[in-house]
Amino acid sequence: MNWSEFFAMNGYGFYVWGSYGLTLIVLLVEILTVRHKRKITLQQLRLMRDAGESQ
């Protein structure tokens, strides 16, 4: 068995590796989205805290 046979997977390689690639992209987007939302939420909490201290 050589590398080209391994990646071809008897003709199903496109679907298998495409599925892995798509899953990786979705996971990366999810991680980046959660990190961004966390950053925004922390900023909003800081603003609310600062607004409460000034009253």
Protein backbone atom coordinates (compact mmCIF):
# COMPACT_ATOMS: atom_id res chain seq x y z
CA MET A 1 0.00 0.00 0.00
CA ASN A 2 1.42 3.38 -0.97
CA TRP A 3 0.40 6.90 0.01
CA SER A 4 -1.67 7.60 -3.10
CA GLU A 5 -3.76 4.47 -2.44
CA PHE A 6 -4.17 5.51 1.18
CA PHE A 7 -5.43 8.99 0.26
CA ALA A 8 -7.63 7.68 -2.58
CA MET A 9 -9.34 5.13 -0.28
CA ASN A 10 -10.70 3.05 -3.16
CA GLY A 11 -12.41 6.06 -4.74
CA TYR A 12 -13.96 7.41 -1.55
CA GLY A 13 -11.01 9.61 -0.56
CA PHE A 14 -12.63 12.82 -1.76
CA TYR A 15 -15.65 12.28 0.49
CA VAL A 16 -13.65 11.06 3.47
CA TRP A 17 -11.00 13.78 3.39
CA GLY A 18 -13.59 16.38 2.45
CA SER A 19 -15.60 15.42 5.53
CA TYR A 20 -12.54 15.69 7.75
CA GLY A 21 -11.69 19.07 6.23
CA LEU A 22 -15.20 20.42 6.63
CA THR A 23 -15.36 19.21 10.22
CA LEU A 24 -12.06 20.92 10.99
CA ILE A 25 -13.31 24.19 9.47
CA VAL A 26 -16.56 24.04 11.46
CA LEU A 27 -14.68 23.39 14.70
CA LEU A 28 -12.30 26.28 14.06
CA VAL A 29 -15.19 28.64 13.29
CA GLU A 30 -16.95 27.51 16.48
CA ILE A 31 -13.84 28.13 18.60
CA LEU A 32 -13.29 31.57 17.07
CA THR A 33 -16.96 32.50 17.52
CA VAL A 34 -16.99 31.48 21.18
CA ARG A 35 -13.77 33.40 21.86
CA HIS A 36 -15.19 36.52 20.18
CA LYS A 37 -18.50 36.31 22.07
CA ARG A 38 -16.62 35.83 25.35
CA LYS A 39 -14.56 38.95 24.65
CA ILE A 40 -17.68 40.99 23.87
CA THR A 41 -19.46 39.71 26.99
CA LEU A 42 -16.52 40.59 29.23
CA GLN A 43 -16.38 44.08 27.73
CA GLN A 44 -20.10 44.55 28.37
CA LEU A 45 -19.73 43.37 31.96
CA ARG A 46 -16.86 45.80 32.55
CA LEU A 47 -18.98 48.65 31.15
CA MET A 48 -21.90 47.69 33.39
CA ARG A 49 -19.61 47.47 36.41
CA ASP A 50 -18.05 50.86 35.67
CA ALA A 51 -21.48 52.43 35.14
CA GLY A 52 -22.66 51.04 38.49
CA GLU A 53 -19.63 52.40 40.34
CA SER A 54 -20.14 55.92 39.01
CA GLN A 55 -23.68 56.20 40.42
